[in-house]
Amino acid sequence: QNFIEPDCVSYGAAMRACTKQEAWRFCIKLLTDIRHYNVKLDTNICHMAVGFCRMAARWDDALKWFWEFRLSHANVGLMTYTQVIASCGMSQNWQAALELWND
């Protein structure tokens, strides 16, 4: 069998499909797979991942992935910051939002 090596484009397409179906648990699985295959993260992947967590009201996962992306030197982008701050705000976790604001 031929196996196509996954990349950020293929993962991005799968994550967009998850968004449309509100399948955030599968998105988390995809993110775990991304680490396994050492896929280079781009701004879109980071933004979508944190956005999934926000939509699922999982502010703790949004923060976890955000910091993991930052530690891996991924370009998280302004929209990802906005998503994770919004996620913290929705959960009344203003301390974490303020910490990100001051970062």
C-alpha atoms as a PDB file:
ATOM      1  CA  GLN A   1       0.000   0.000   0.000  1.00  0.00           C
ATOM      2  CA  ASN A   2       1.082   3.522  -0.708  1.00  0.00           C
ATOM      3  CA  PHE A   3       1.142   5.833   2.261  1.00  0.00           C
ATOM      4  CA  ILE A   4       1.077   9.571   1.739  1.00  0.00           C
ATOM      5  CA  GLU A   5       3.018  11.416   4.404  1.00  0.00           C
ATOM      6  CA  PRO A   6       0.636  13.814   6.181  1.00  0.00           C
ATOM      7  CA  ASP A   7       1.423  17.518   6.181  1.00  0.00           C
ATOM      8  CA  CYS A   8      -0.137  20.711   7.514  1.00  0.00           C
ATOM      9  CA  VAL A   9      -2.319  21.018   4.400  1.00  0.00           C
ATOM     10  CA  SER A  10      -3.889  17.572   4.801  1.00  0.00           C
ATOM     11  CA  TYR A  11      -4.322  18.048   8.544  1.00  0.00           C
ATOM     12  CA  GLY A  12      -5.806  21.491   7.967  1.00  0.00           C
ATOM     13  CA  ALA A  13      -8.386  20.044   5.576  1.00  0.00           C
ATOM     14  CA  ALA A  14      -9.330  17.339   8.074  1.00  0.00           C
ATOM     15  CA  MET A  15      -9.577  19.897  10.876  1.00  0.00           C
ATOM     16  CA  ARG A  16     -11.823  22.159   8.773  1.00  0.00           C
ATOM     17  CA  ALA A  17     -14.123  19.185   8.172  1.00  0.00           C
ATOM     18  CA  CYS A  18     -14.221  18.609  11.937  1.00  0.00           C
ATOM     19  CA  THR A  19     -15.194  22.239  12.480  1.00  0.00           C
ATOM     20  CA  LYS A  20     -18.189  21.914  10.202  1.00  0.00           C
ATOM     21  CA  GLN A  21     -19.361  18.859  12.123  1.00  0.00           C
ATOM     22  CA  GLU A  22     -18.413  20.249  15.552  1.00  0.00           C
ATOM     23  CA  ALA A  23     -16.307  17.147  16.113  1.00  0.00           C
ATOM     24  CA  TRP A  24     -13.794  18.695  18.493  1.00  0.00           C
ATOM     25  CA  ARG A  25     -12.744  15.363  20.022  1.00  0.00           C
ATOM     26  CA  PHE A  26     -11.566  14.161  16.623  1.00  0.00           C
ATOM     27  CA  CYS A  27      -9.706  17.427  16.178  1.00  0.00           C
ATOM     28  CA  ILE A  28      -7.825  16.761  19.419  1.00  0.00           C
ATOM     29  CA  LYS A  29      -6.931  13.322  18.040  1.00  0.00           C
ATOM     30  CA  LEU A  30      -5.624  14.968  14.874  1.00  0.00           C
ATOM     31  CA  LEU A  31      -3.473  17.307  16.944  1.00  0.00           C
ATOM     32  CA  THR A  32      -2.021  14.337  18.784  1.00  0.00           C
ATOM     33  CA  ASP A  33      -1.270  12.720  15.414  1.00  0.00           C
ATOM     34  CA  ILE A  34       0.437  15.900  14.235  1.00  0.00           C
ATOM     35  CA  ARG A  35       2.921  15.541  17.078  1.00  0.00           C
ATOM     36  CA  HIS A  36       3.474  11.873  16.232  1.00  0.00           C
ATOM     37  CA  TYR A  37       4.311  12.632  12.586  1.00  0.00           C
ATOM     38  CA  ASN A  38       6.311  15.769  13.461  1.00  0.00           C
ATOM     39  CA  VAL A  39       4.246  17.871  11.090  1.00  0.00           C
ATOM     40  CA  LYS A  40       5.437  21.473  10.940  1.00  0.00           C
ATOM     41  CA  LEU A  41       2.692  23.606  12.436  1.00  0.00           C
ATOM     42  CA  ASP A  42       1.492  26.685  10.624  1.00  0.00           C
ATOM     43  CA  THR A  43      -0.618  29.611  11.762  1.00  0.00           C
ATOM     44  CA  ASN A  44      -3.840  28.075  10.402  1.00  0.00           C
ATOM     45  CA  ILE A  45      -3.412  24.822  12.329  1.00  0.00           C
ATOM     46  CA  CYS A  46      -2.734  26.715  15.565  1.00  0.00           C
ATOM     47  CA  HIS A  47      -5.713  29.003  15.015  1.00  0.00           C
ATOM     48  CA  MET A  48      -8.090  26.132  14.213  1.00  0.00           C
ATOM     49  CA  ALA A  49      -6.941  24.046  17.169  1.00  0.00           C
ATOM     50  CA  VAL A  50      -7.477  26.810  19.695  1.00  0.00           C
ATOM     51  CA  GLY A  51     -10.754  27.727  17.973  1.00  0.00           C
ATOM     52  CA  PHE A  52     -12.045  24.162  18.365  1.00  0.00           C
ATOM     53  CA  CYS A  53     -11.281  24.269  22.053  1.00  0.00           C
ATOM     54  CA  ARG A  54     -13.059  27.617  22.388  1.00  0.00           C
ATOM     55  CA  MET A  55     -16.156  26.314  20.584  1.00  0.00           C
ATOM     56  CA  ALA A  56     -16.199  23.252  22.834  1.00  0.00           C
ATOM     57  CA  ALA A  57     -15.840  25.483  25.938  1.00  0.00           C
ATOM     58  CA  ARG A  58     -12.522  23.792  26.718  1.00  0.00           C
ATOM     59  CA  TRP A  59     -10.471  26.799  27.809  1.00  0.00           C
ATOM     60  CA  ASP A  60      -7.974  24.547  29.591  1.00  0.00           C
ATOM     61  CA  ASP A  61      -7.268  22.652  26.352  1.00  0.00           C
ATOM     62  CA  ALA A  62      -7.064  25.952  24.447  1.00  0.00           C
ATOM     63  CA  LEU A  63      -4.360  27.136  26.845  1.00  0.00           C
ATOM     64  CA  LYS A  64      -2.579  23.791  26.777  1.00  0.00           C
ATOM     65  CA  TRP A  65      -2.357  23.707  22.981  1.00  0.00           C
ATOM     66  CA  PHE A  66      -1.498  27.387  22.753  1.00  0.00           C
ATOM     67  CA  TRP A  67       1.492  26.993  25.055  1.00  0.00           C
ATOM     68  CA  GLU A  68       2.532  23.779  23.353  1.00  0.00           C
ATOM     69  CA  PHE A  69       2.506  25.582  19.998  1.00  0.00           C
ATOM     70  CA  ARG A  70       4.531  28.449  21.452  1.00  0.00           C
ATOM     71  CA  LEU A  71       7.082  26.062  22.982  1.00  0.00           C
ATOM     72  CA  SER A  72       7.473  24.321  19.629  1.00  0.00           C
ATOM     73  CA  HIS A  73       8.201  27.736  18.061  1.00  0.00           C
ATOM     74  CA  ALA A  74       5.136  27.598  15.841  1.00  0.00           C
ATOM     75  CA  ASN A  75       3.952  30.915  14.444  1.00  0.00           C
ATOM     76  CA  VAL A  76       0.718  31.168  16.406  1.00  0.00           C
ATOM     77  CA  GLY A  77      -0.364  34.516  14.984  1.00  0.00           C
ATOM     78  CA  LEU A  78      -2.597  37.245  16.343  1.00  0.00           C
ATOM     79  CA  MET A  79      -5.839  35.387  15.626  1.00  0.00           C
ATOM     80  CA  THR A  80      -4.709  32.462  17.777  1.00  0.00           C
ATOM     81  CA  TYR A  81      -3.962  34.835  20.650  1.00  0.00           C
ATOM     82  CA  THR A  82      -7.437  36.310  20.205  1.00  0.00           C
ATOM     83  CA  GLN A  83      -9.057  32.857  20.218  1.00  0.00           C
ATOM     84  CA  VAL A  84      -7.318  31.698  23.382  1.00  0.00           C
ATOM     85  CA  ILE A  85      -8.011  34.978  25.210  1.00  0.00           C
ATOM     86  CA  ALA A  86     -11.680  34.717  24.165  1.00  0.00           C
ATOM     87  CA  SER A  87     -11.750  31.133  25.389  1.00  0.00           C
ATOM     88  CA  CYS A  88     -10.425  32.189  28.786  1.00  0.00           C
ATOM     89  CA  GLY A  89     -12.895  35.065  28.902  1.00  0.00           C
ATOM     90  CA  MET A  90     -15.848  32.792  28.155  1.00  0.00           C
ATOM     91  CA  SER A  91     -14.876  30.638  31.110  1.00  0.00           C
ATOM     92  CA  GLN A  92     -14.460  33.628  33.441  1.00  0.00           C
ATOM     93  CA  ASN A  93     -10.737  32.824  33.661  1.00  0.00           C
ATOM     94  CA  TRP A  94      -9.644  36.435  33.403  1.00  0.00           C
ATOM     95  CA  GLN A  95      -6.300  35.742  35.110  1.00  0.00           C
ATOM     96  CA  ALA A  96      -5.157  33.472  32.271  1.00  0.00           C
ATOM     97  CA  ALA A  97      -6.457  35.947  29.689  1.00  0.00           C
ATOM     98  CA  LEU A  98      -4.531  38.762  31.360  1.00  0.00           C
ATOM     99  CA  GLU A  99      -1.374  36.647  31.468  1.00  0.00           C
ATOM    100  CA  LEU A 100      -1.644  36.085  27.723  1.00  0.00           C
ATOM    101  CA  TRP A 101      -2.331  39.764  27.132  1.00  0.00           C
ATOM    102  CA  ASN A 102       0.887  40.639  28.966  1.00  0.00           C
ATOM    103  CA  ASP A 103       2.937  37.973  27.135  1.00  0.00           C
END
